[in-house]
Amino acid sequence: MIGEPNNHPIAQSPTGVRMPAQPPDIPTRVLAETQNYMVWLADEPDGETTYNIELGNVTLHLFKEEWDEFLQLIRSLPKN
């Protein structure tokens, strides 16, 4: 019926992509946090871990291999 809520477990996005009506419950853990920045990881439903770096209004999403390379980059910065 028109105007009635859709209680179907699969919803359709405006672009026509079918997706779960409720996002999956993804476990997350904060690794480090300052007043303005945060690094956290998420254990994705497919078994992959993503590392997320929030820098103000920008968030980087990295897979494990990318995260390892990013850490290598940070550690190679000069100390002064």
Foldseek 3Di string as FASTA:
>chain_A
DPPDDDPDQWDADPVGDIDGPDDDDWDKDWPDDDPAKTWMWTQDPVRWIWIWIDHHPDIDTHTPVRVVVVVVVVVPDDPD
